[in-house]
Amino acid sequence: MKPLLDDKEYIFNLDIHGKQYNIDVKWLLHLENAITSDLSSIELQESLEKVGGYLHTFLAAFEEITRRKIEEELDYEIWYKETYAKAEMSLLSVFSEEVKSGIRSKTNGTPNRTQIEARIIVDYKDEYRKRTETLNKIKTYWDFLSREMKIIEIRATNLQSILNFRRKVMEKEY
């Protein structure tokens, strides 16, 4: 049986918290080619098993990245709330001193959201950058895998129809 696709051409390497996933993002082409071509039932079974392996890997990665995304977003939200409170207290202290010394008028002695967020970015820039980069990387992976998952769902429905049709044809032939 000739290979339906060159495996190396479509491999997507995904590193999730040190765990490596190698996902063939075009794995459905194997199945589509197998079902729509004139393969024997043994060759079709081999193709289905190969695709099943890709699907298992893909779903494991999707599940893991979804879990990581939820954890990272929650962790980031908690960190940001705590850091926001620290930055606000720090600015209140500074503004209070400025009000006492006459640099700042009493009516403008409370920091606004923009000032607090700017303070977070300045005072906690390394951690802020690291956390946002991690979150953005995970969101990018998750968006990619979500798009692939939607494609899988649509194509799987179409393939099920093709398989059902092929089964009916085979039943009539025998």
N, C-alpha and C. Protein backbone atom coordinates (compact mmCIF):
# COMPACT_ATOMS: atom_id res chain seq x y z
N MET A 1 0.85 -1.19 0.00
CA MET A 1 0.00 0.00 0.00
C MET A 1 0.89 1.24 0.00
N LYS A 2 0.65 2.13 -0.94
CA LYS A 2 1.46 3.34 -1.01
C LYS A 2 1.04 4.30 0.11
N PRO A 3 1.99 5.07 0.65
CA PRO A 3 1.61 6.03 1.69
C PRO A 3 0.67 7.08 1.10
N LEU A 4 -0.36 7.42 1.86
CA LEU A 4 -1.33 8.39 1.37
C LEU A 4 -0.78 9.80 1.39
N LEU A 5 0.07 10.09 2.36
CA LEU A 5 0.72 11.39 2.47
C LEU A 5 2.11 11.20 3.04
N ASP A 6 2.98 12.14 2.77
CA ASP A 6 4.29 12.13 3.42
C ASP A 6 4.08 12.63 4.85
N ASP A 7 4.25 11.75 5.84
CA ASP A 7 3.95 12.09 7.23
C ASP A 7 4.70 13.32 7.73
N LYS A 8 5.98 13.43 7.40
CA LYS A 8 6.81 14.50 7.95
C LYS A 8 6.35 15.89 7.50
N GLU A 9 5.67 15.93 6.37
CA GLU A 9 5.30 17.21 5.78
C GLU A 9 4.27 17.97 6.62
N TYR A 10 3.45 17.27 7.38
CA TYR A 10 2.33 17.91 8.06
C TYR A 10 2.40 17.85 9.58
N ILE A 11 3.56 17.55 10.12
CA ILE A 11 3.67 17.41 11.57
C ILE A 11 3.73 18.78 12.25
N PHE A 12 2.90 18.94 13.28
CA PHE A 12 2.88 20.15 14.09
C PHE A 12 3.39 19.75 15.47
N ASN A 13 4.50 20.33 15.90
CA ASN A 13 5.07 20.01 17.21
C ASN A 13 4.51 20.97 18.24
N LEU A 14 3.95 20.41 19.28
CA LEU A 14 3.33 21.21 20.32
C LEU A 14 3.98 20.86 21.65
N ASP A 15 4.47 21.87 22.34
CA ASP A 15 5.09 21.67 23.65
C ASP A 15 4.16 22.29 24.68
N ILE A 16 3.58 21.45 25.52
CA ILE A 16 2.68 21.95 26.56
C ILE A 16 3.30 21.62 27.90
N HIS A 17 3.84 22.65 28.53
CA HIS A 17 4.41 22.50 29.87
C HIS A 17 5.41 21.35 29.91
N GLY A 18 6.29 21.30 28.91
CA GLY A 18 7.33 20.28 28.86
C GLY A 18 6.92 18.96 28.25
N LYS A 19 5.63 18.78 27.97
CA LYS A 19 5.16 17.53 27.36
C LYS A 19 5.03 17.76 25.85
N GLN A 20 5.67 16.89 25.07
CA GLN A 20 5.70 17.05 23.62
C GLN A 20 4.55 16.30 22.95
N TYR A 21 3.89 16.98 22.02
CA TYR A 21 2.88 16.35 21.19
C TYR A 21 3.28 16.57 19.74
N ASN A 22 3.25 15.52 18.95
CA ASN A 22 3.46 15.63 17.51
C ASN A 22 2.13 15.32 16.85
N ILE A 23 1.55 16.33 16.23
CA ILE A 23 0.22 16.18 15.67
C ILE A 23 0.28 16.34 14.16
N ASP A 24 -0.29 15.40 13.45
CA ASP A 24 -0.41 15.51 12.00
C ASP A 24 -1.70 16.29 11.74
N VAL A 25 -1.56 17.57 11.42
CA VAL A 25 -2.74 18.43 11.30
C VAL A 25 -3.54 18.13 10.04
N LYS A 26 -2.99 17.33 9.16
CA LYS A 26 -3.72 16.95 7.94
C LYS A 26 -4.12 15.47 7.99
N TRP A 27 -4.23 14.93 9.20
CA TRP A 27 -4.48 13.50 9.34
C TRP A 27 -5.77 13.06 8.68
N LEU A 28 -6.74 13.93 8.58
CA LEU A 28 -8.00 13.53 7.97
C LEU A 28 -7.86 13.20 6.49
N LEU A 29 -6.84 13.78 5.86
CA LEU A 29 -6.62 13.46 4.44
C LEU A 29 -6.33 11.98 4.26
N HIS A 30 -5.64 11.38 5.23
CA HIS A 30 -5.39 9.94 5.17
C HIS A 30 -6.72 9.19 5.10
N LEU A 31 -7.61 9.56 6.00
CA LEU A 31 -8.89 8.87 6.07
C LEU A 31 -9.73 9.14 4.83
N GLU A 32 -9.76 10.39 4.40
CA GLU A 32 -10.54 10.73 3.20
C GLU A 32 -10.03 9.96 1.99
N ASN A 33 -8.71 9.92 1.84
CA ASN A 33 -8.13 9.18 0.71
C ASN A 33 -8.46 7.70 0.80
N ALA A 34 -8.38 7.17 2.02
CA ALA A 34 -8.65 5.75 2.21
C ALA A 34 -10.10 5.41 1.90
N ILE A 35 -11.01 6.23 2.36
CA ILE A 35 -12.43 5.93 2.18
C ILE A 35 -12.87 6.13 0.74
N THR A 36 -12.39 7.20 0.12
CA THR A 36 -12.85 7.52 -1.24
C THR A 36 -12.10 6.75 -2.32
N SER A 37 -10.96 6.16 -1.98
CA SER A 37 -10.23 5.37 -2.99
C SER A 37 -10.74 3.93 -2.97
N ASP A 38 -10.26 3.18 -3.89
CA ASP A 38 -10.72 1.80 -4.02
C ASP A 38 -9.79 0.86 -3.25
N LEU A 39 -9.75 1.01 -1.95
CA LEU A 39 -8.87 0.19 -1.12
C LEU A 39 -9.59 -1.07 -0.66
N SER A 40 -8.81 -2.10 -0.40
CA SER A 40 -9.39 -3.31 0.17
C SER A 40 -9.77 -3.02 1.62
N SER A 41 -10.57 -3.89 2.21
CA SER A 41 -10.99 -3.66 3.59
C SER A 41 -9.81 -3.71 4.56
N ILE A 42 -8.77 -4.51 4.26
CA ILE A 42 -7.58 -4.57 5.12
C ILE A 42 -6.82 -3.24 5.05
N GLU A 43 -6.65 -2.72 3.82
CA GLU A 43 -5.97 -1.44 3.66
C GLU A 43 -6.76 -0.31 4.31
N LEU A 44 -8.08 -0.37 4.17
CA LEU A 44 -8.93 0.64 4.80
C LEU A 44 -8.79 0.56 6.32
N GLN A 45 -8.78 -0.65 6.86
CA GLN A 45 -8.63 -0.83 8.31
C GLN A 45 -7.30 -0.27 8.79
N GLU A 46 -6.22 -0.51 8.03
CA GLU A 46 -4.90 0.03 8.39
C GLU A 46 -4.93 1.56 8.40
N SER A 47 -5.58 2.15 7.40
CA SER A 47 -5.69 3.60 7.33
C SER A 47 -6.50 4.14 8.51
N LEU A 48 -7.58 3.46 8.83
CA LEU A 48 -8.42 3.89 9.96
C LEU A 48 -7.63 3.83 11.27
N GLU A 49 -6.82 2.78 11.44
CA GLU A 49 -6.01 2.65 12.65
C GLU A 49 -4.97 3.77 12.74
N LYS A 50 -4.36 4.09 11.61
CA LYS A 50 -3.36 5.16 11.58
C LYS A 50 -4.02 6.49 11.94
N VAL A 51 -5.16 6.75 11.34
CA VAL A 51 -5.88 7.99 11.61
C VAL A 51 -6.37 8.01 13.06
N GLY A 52 -6.77 6.85 13.57
CA GLY A 52 -7.19 6.77 14.96
C GLY A 52 -6.08 7.20 15.91
N GLY A 53 -4.84 6.83 15.57
CA GLY A 53 -3.69 7.25 16.37
C GLY A 53 -3.51 8.76 16.35
N TYR A 54 -3.67 9.35 15.15
CA TYR A 54 -3.57 10.81 15.05
C TYR A 54 -4.67 11.48 15.87
N LEU A 55 -5.88 10.94 15.75
CA LEU A 55 -7.01 11.53 16.46
C LEU A 55 -6.78 11.45 17.97
N HIS A 56 -6.30 10.31 18.45
CA HIS A 56 -6.04 10.14 19.88
C HIS A 56 -5.02 11.18 20.36
N THR A 57 -3.93 11.35 19.61
CA THR A 57 -2.91 12.34 19.96
C THR A 57 -3.48 13.75 19.94
N PHE A 58 -4.25 14.04 18.90
CA PHE A 58 -4.84 15.37 18.76
C PHE A 58 -5.77 15.67 19.94
N LEU A 59 -6.65 14.74 20.26
CA LEU A 59 -7.61 14.97 21.34
C LEU A 59 -6.91 15.10 22.69
N ALA A 60 -5.84 14.32 22.90
CA ALA A 60 -5.07 14.44 24.14
C ALA A 60 -4.45 15.83 24.24
N ALA A 61 -3.89 16.31 23.14
CA ALA A 61 -3.29 17.65 23.13
C ALA A 61 -4.35 18.72 23.34
N PHE A 62 -5.49 18.56 22.68
CA PHE A 62 -6.57 19.55 22.81
C PHE A 62 -7.08 19.60 24.25
N GLU A 63 -7.24 18.43 24.86
CA GLU A 63 -7.69 18.36 26.25
C GLU A 63 -6.67 19.02 27.19
N GLU A 64 -5.40 18.70 26.97
CA GLU A 64 -4.33 19.25 27.81
C GLU A 64 -4.22 20.76 27.65
N ILE A 65 -4.26 21.25 26.42
CA ILE A 65 -4.11 22.69 26.20
C ILE A 65 -5.34 23.44 26.73
N THR A 66 -6.51 22.83 26.67
CA THR A 66 -7.71 23.46 27.23
C THR A 66 -7.58 23.57 28.75
N ARG A 67 -7.11 22.48 29.38
CA ARG A 67 -6.90 22.50 30.83
C ARG A 67 -5.87 23.56 31.21
N ARG A 68 -4.75 23.60 30.47
CA ARG A 68 -3.70 24.60 30.74
C ARG A 68 -4.20 26.02 30.54
N LYS A 69 -5.01 26.22 29.50
CA LYS A 69 -5.54 27.55 29.21
C LYS A 69 -6.41 28.03 30.38
N ILE A 70 -7.28 27.16 30.86
CA ILE A 70 -8.16 27.52 31.98
C ILE A 70 -7.32 27.82 33.22
N GLU A 71 -6.34 26.96 33.52
CA GLU A 71 -5.47 27.17 34.68
C GLU A 71 -4.69 28.47 34.58
N GLU A 72 -4.09 28.72 33.41
CA GLU A 72 -3.28 29.93 33.22
C GLU A 72 -4.14 31.19 33.31
N GLU A 73 -5.34 31.15 32.72
CA GLU A 73 -6.22 32.32 32.78
C GLU A 73 -6.64 32.61 34.22
N LEU A 74 -6.97 31.55 34.96
CA LEU A 74 -7.36 31.72 36.36
C LEU A 74 -6.18 32.23 37.18
N ASP A 75 -5.01 31.63 36.98
CA ASP A 75 -3.80 32.04 37.69
C ASP A 75 -3.47 33.50 37.37
N TYR A 76 -3.59 33.86 36.10
CA TYR A 76 -3.30 35.24 35.68
C TYR A 76 -4.29 36.21 36.33
N GLU A 77 -5.57 35.82 36.33
CA GLU A 77 -6.61 36.68 36.92
C GLU A 77 -6.35 36.92 38.40
N ILE A 78 -6.00 35.87 39.14
CA ILE A 78 -5.70 36.00 40.58
C ILE A 78 -4.47 36.88 40.77
N TRP A 79 -3.41 36.59 40.01
CA TRP A 79 -2.18 37.38 40.10
C TRP A 79 -2.47 38.85 39.80
N TYR A 80 -3.24 39.10 38.75
CA TYR A 80 -3.51 40.47 38.33
C TYR A 80 -4.31 41.22 39.40
N LYS A 81 -5.31 40.57 40.00
CA LYS A 81 -6.11 41.22 41.06
C LYS A 81 -5.23 41.56 42.26
N GLU A 82 -4.38 40.60 42.66
CA GLU A 82 -3.48 40.85 43.80
C GLU A 82 -2.49 41.97 43.48
N THR A 83 -1.93 41.93 42.29
CA THR A 83 -0.95 42.94 41.87
C THR A 83 -1.62 44.30 41.72
N TYR A 84 -2.84 44.30 41.20
CA TYR A 84 -3.60 45.54 41.05
C TYR A 84 -3.80 46.20 42.42
N ALA A 85 -4.17 45.38 43.42
CA ALA A 85 -4.37 45.90 44.77
C ALA A 85 -3.07 46.47 45.34
N LYS A 86 -1.95 45.76 45.11
CA LYS A 86 -0.65 46.26 45.59
C LYS A 86 -0.29 47.58 44.92
N ALA A 87 -0.46 47.63 43.60
CA ALA A 87 -0.13 48.85 42.85
C ALA A 87 -1.02 50.01 43.28
N GLU A 88 -2.28 49.72 43.54
CA GLU A 88 -3.21 50.77 43.98
C GLU A 88 -2.79 51.31 45.34
N MET A 89 -2.45 50.41 46.27
CA MET A 89 -2.00 50.84 47.60
C MET A 89 -0.71 51.65 47.50
N SER A 90 0.19 51.22 46.65
CA SER A 90 1.45 51.94 46.45
C SER A 90 1.18 53.34 45.92
N LEU A 91 0.31 53.46 44.93
CA LEU A 91 -0.02 54.77 44.37
C LEU A 91 -0.77 55.64 45.38
N LEU A 92 -1.66 55.04 46.15
CA LEU A 92 -2.38 55.80 47.18
C LEU A 92 -1.40 56.40 48.17
N SER A 93 -0.40 55.60 48.54
CA SER A 93 0.63 56.08 49.46
C SER A 93 1.40 57.25 48.85
N VAL A 94 1.81 57.10 47.59
CA VAL A 94 2.54 58.17 46.90
C VAL A 94 1.66 59.41 46.78
N PHE A 95 0.42 59.21 46.34
CA PHE A 95 -0.49 60.35 46.16
C PHE A 95 -0.78 61.05 47.48
N SER A 96 -0.89 60.25 48.56
CA SER A 96 -1.13 60.83 49.88
C SER A 96 0.02 61.74 50.29
N GLU A 97 1.25 61.27 50.05
CA GLU A 97 2.43 62.10 50.35
C GLU A 97 2.44 63.35 49.49
N GLU A 98 2.05 63.21 48.22
CA GLU A 98 2.03 64.36 47.32
C GLU A 98 0.95 65.37 47.73
N VAL A 99 -0.18 64.87 48.23
CA VAL A 99 -1.25 65.77 48.72
C VAL A 99 -0.75 66.52 49.94
N LYS A 100 -0.09 65.79 50.86
CA LYS A 100 0.45 66.43 52.08
C LYS A 100 1.47 67.51 51.74
N SER A 101 2.31 67.23 50.77
CA SER A 101 3.36 68.20 50.43
C SER A 101 2.88 69.28 49.46
N GLY A 102 1.63 69.18 49.01
CA GLY A 102 1.08 70.22 48.14
C GLY A 102 1.36 70.01 46.66
N ILE A 103 2.04 68.93 46.30
CA ILE A 103 2.31 68.65 44.88
C ILE A 103 1.01 68.29 44.16
N ARG A 104 0.16 67.57 44.82
CA ARG A 104 -1.10 67.12 44.23
C ARG A 104 -2.26 67.71 45.03
N SER A 105 -3.29 68.15 44.29
CA SER A 105 -4.45 68.72 44.99
C SER A 105 -5.24 67.59 45.65
N LYS A 106 -5.98 67.91 46.70
CA LYS A 106 -6.74 66.89 47.44
C LYS A 106 -7.78 66.21 46.55
N THR A 107 -8.35 66.93 45.60
CA THR A 107 -9.39 66.34 44.75
C THR A 107 -8.82 65.30 43.79
N ASN A 108 -7.52 65.36 43.56
CA ASN A 108 -6.91 64.40 42.64
C ASN A 108 -5.98 63.45 43.40
N GLY A 109 -6.38 63.04 44.58
CA GLY A 109 -5.53 62.20 45.41
C GLY A 109 -5.78 60.71 45.28
N THR A 110 -6.66 60.31 44.35
CA THR A 110 -6.97 58.90 44.17
C THR A 110 -6.53 58.45 42.78
N PRO A 111 -5.77 57.37 42.69
CA PRO A 111 -5.31 56.91 41.37
C PRO A 111 -6.47 56.32 40.56
N ASN A 112 -6.43 56.56 39.26
CA ASN A 112 -7.44 55.95 38.39
C ASN A 112 -6.90 54.63 37.82
N ARG A 113 -7.76 53.92 37.12
CA ARG A 113 -7.41 52.59 36.60
C ARG A 113 -6.19 52.64 35.68
N THR A 114 -6.13 53.64 34.81
CA THR A 114 -5.00 53.75 33.87
C THR A 114 -3.69 53.92 34.61
N GLN A 115 -3.70 54.75 35.66
CA GLN A 115 -2.48 54.97 36.45
C GLN A 115 -2.06 53.68 37.16
N ILE A 116 -3.03 52.96 37.69
CA ILE A 116 -2.73 51.71 38.40
C ILE A 116 -2.16 50.67 37.43
N GLU A 117 -2.79 50.54 36.26
CA GLU A 117 -2.30 49.57 35.27
C GLU A 117 -0.91 49.94 34.77
N ALA A 118 -0.66 51.23 34.61
CA ALA A 118 0.69 51.68 34.20
C ALA A 118 1.71 51.32 35.28
N ARG A 119 1.30 51.46 36.53
CA ARG A 119 2.19 51.13 37.65
C ARG A 119 2.52 49.63 37.66
N ILE A 120 1.51 48.81 37.37
CA ILE A 120 1.73 47.36 37.31
C ILE A 120 2.76 47.04 36.23
N ILE A 121 2.59 47.65 35.06
CA ILE A 121 3.50 47.38 33.94
C ILE A 121 4.92 47.82 34.27
N VAL A 122 5.06 48.92 35.00
CA VAL A 122 6.40 49.42 35.36
C VAL A 122 7.00 48.60 36.51
N ASP A 123 6.25 48.49 37.61
CA ASP A 123 6.78 47.83 38.81
C ASP A 123 6.93 46.31 38.67
N TYR A 124 6.06 45.70 37.90
CA TYR A 124 6.06 44.24 37.78
C TYR A 124 6.29 43.81 36.33
N LYS A 125 7.10 44.60 35.60
CA LYS A 125 7.22 44.41 34.15
C LYS A 125 7.70 43.01 33.76
N ASP A 126 8.68 42.45 34.47
CA ASP A 126 9.20 41.13 34.09
C ASP A 126 8.14 40.04 34.27
N GLU A 127 7.50 40.04 35.43
CA GLU A 127 6.48 39.02 35.67
C GLU A 127 5.27 39.25 34.77
N TYR A 128 4.90 40.52 34.59
CA TYR A 128 3.77 40.86 33.72
C TYR A 128 4.03 40.37 32.30
N ARG A 129 5.24 40.64 31.79
CA ARG A 129 5.61 40.23 30.43
C ARG A 129 5.60 38.71 30.31
N LYS A 130 6.21 38.04 31.30
CA LYS A 130 6.29 36.57 31.27
C LYS A 130 4.89 35.95 31.29
N ARG A 131 4.05 36.45 32.17
CA ARG A 131 2.70 35.90 32.28
C ARG A 131 1.87 36.15 31.02
N THR A 132 1.96 37.35 30.48
CA THR A 132 1.18 37.65 29.27
C THR A 132 1.71 36.86 28.07
N GLU A 133 3.03 36.68 27.98
CA GLU A 133 3.59 35.87 26.88
C GLU A 133 3.12 34.42 26.98
N THR A 134 3.16 33.86 28.19
CA THR A 134 2.71 32.48 28.39
C THR A 134 1.24 32.35 28.02
N LEU A 135 0.43 33.29 28.51
CA LEU A 135 -1.00 33.26 28.23
C LEU A 135 -1.27 33.39 26.73
N ASN A 136 -0.57 34.30 26.07
CA ASN A 136 -0.77 34.49 24.63
C ASN A 136 -0.34 33.27 23.83
N LYS A 137 0.76 32.62 24.25
CA LYS A 137 1.23 31.42 23.57
C LYS A 137 0.19 30.30 23.69
N ILE A 138 -0.32 30.12 24.90
CA ILE A 138 -1.34 29.09 25.12
C ILE A 138 -2.60 29.41 24.33
N LYS A 139 -3.02 30.68 24.32
CA LYS A 139 -4.22 31.06 23.56
C LYS A 139 -4.01 30.80 22.07
N THR A 140 -2.81 31.05 21.57
CA THR A 140 -2.52 30.80 20.16
C THR A 140 -2.64 29.31 19.85
N TYR A 141 -2.03 28.47 20.70
CA TYR A 141 -2.15 27.02 20.52
C TYR A 141 -3.62 26.60 20.57
N TRP A 142 -4.33 27.12 21.57
CA TRP A 142 -5.72 26.74 21.77
C TRP A 142 -6.57 27.16 20.58
N ASP A 143 -6.35 28.38 20.08
CA ASP A 143 -7.09 28.85 18.89
C ASP A 143 -6.83 27.94 17.70
N PHE A 144 -5.55 27.58 17.51
CA PHE A 144 -5.18 26.69 16.41
C PHE A 144 -5.89 25.34 16.55
N LEU A 145 -5.79 24.74 17.73
CA LEU A 145 -6.41 23.43 17.94
C LEU A 145 -7.93 23.50 17.86
N SER A 146 -8.52 24.62 18.30
CA SER A 146 -9.98 24.79 18.20
C SER A 146 -10.43 24.84 16.75
N ARG A 147 -9.66 25.57 15.93
CA ARG A 147 -9.99 25.63 14.50
C ARG A 147 -9.90 24.23 13.88
N GLU A 148 -8.83 23.51 14.23
CA GLU A 148 -8.68 22.15 13.72
C GLU A 148 -9.83 21.26 14.19
N MET A 149 -10.26 21.45 15.45
CA MET A 149 -11.34 20.65 16.01
C MET A 149 -12.64 20.89 15.24
N LYS A 150 -12.91 22.14 14.88
CA LYS A 150 -14.12 22.45 14.10
C LYS A 150 -14.05 21.77 12.73
N ILE A 151 -12.88 21.81 12.11
CA ILE A 151 -12.69 21.15 10.82
C ILE A 151 -12.91 19.65 10.97
N ILE A 152 -12.36 19.08 12.05
CA ILE A 152 -12.51 17.65 12.30
C ILE A 152 -13.99 17.28 12.43
N GLU A 153 -14.74 18.08 13.19
CA GLU A 153 -16.16 17.78 13.41
C GLU A 153 -16.93 17.80 12.09
N ILE A 154 -16.67 18.80 11.26
CA ILE A 154 -17.36 18.91 9.96
C ILE A 154 -16.98 17.74 9.06
N ARG A 155 -15.67 17.49 8.95
CA ARG A 155 -15.21 16.43 8.06
C ARG A 155 -15.62 15.05 8.56
N ALA A 156 -15.62 14.88 9.88
CA ALA A 156 -16.02 13.58 10.43
C ALA A 156 -17.47 13.27 10.06
N THR A 157 -18.33 14.28 10.11
CA THR A 157 -19.73 14.10 9.73
C THR A 157 -19.82 13.68 8.26
N ASN A 158 -19.07 14.38 7.40
CA ASN A 158 -19.06 14.04 5.98
C ASN A 158 -18.51 12.63 5.74
N LEU A 159 -17.43 12.30 6.46
CA LEU A 159 -16.83 10.97 6.29
C LEU A 159 -17.76 9.86 6.77
N GLN A 160 -18.51 10.15 7.82
CA GLN A 160 -19.46 9.15 8.31
C GLN A 160 -20.50 8.85 7.24
N SER A 161 -20.94 9.89 6.55
CA SER A 161 -21.90 9.70 5.45
C SER A 161 -21.28 8.84 4.34
N ILE A 162 -20.02 9.14 4.00
CA ILE A 162 -19.33 8.37 2.96
C ILE A 162 -19.19 6.91 3.39
N LEU A 163 -18.79 6.70 4.65
CA LEU A 163 -18.63 5.33 5.16
C LEU A 163 -19.96 4.57 5.12
N ASN A 164 -21.03 5.24 5.55
CA ASN A 164 -22.35 4.60 5.54
C ASN A 164 -22.75 4.21 4.11
N PHE A 165 -22.49 5.11 3.18
CA PHE A 165 -22.81 4.83 1.77
C PHE A 165 -21.98 3.65 1.27
N ARG A 166 -20.68 3.66 1.60
CA ARG A 166 -19.79 2.58 1.15
C ARG A 166 -20.23 1.23 1.74
N ARG A 167 -20.67 1.25 3.01
CA ARG A 167 -21.15 0.03 3.65
C ARG A 167 -22.38 -0.53 2.92
N LYS A 168 -23.31 0.38 2.59
CA LYS A 168 -24.52 -0.05 1.89
C LYS A 168 -24.19 -0.66 0.54
N VAL A 169 -23.25 -0.02 -0.17
CA VAL A 169 -22.84 -0.54 -1.47
C VAL A 169 -22.21 -1.92 -1.31
N MET A 170 -21.34 -2.08 -0.31
CA MET A 170 -20.68 -3.37 -0.08
C MET A 170 -21.70 -4.45 0.31
N GLU A 171 -22.72 -4.07 1.10
CA GLU A 171 -23.75 -5.03 1.49
C GLU A 171 -24.53 -5.53 0.27
N LYS A 172 -24.81 -4.61 -0.65
CA LYS A 172 -25.55 -4.99 -1.86
C LYS A 172 -24.72 -5.89 -2.76
N GLU A 173 -23.38 -5.66 -2.77
CA GLU A 173 -22.51 -6.47 -3.62
C GLU A 173 -22.38 -7.90 -3.10
N TYR A 174 -22.52 -8.09 -1.79
CA TYR A 174 -22.34 -9.43 -1.21
C TYR A 174 -23.65 -10.00 -0.88
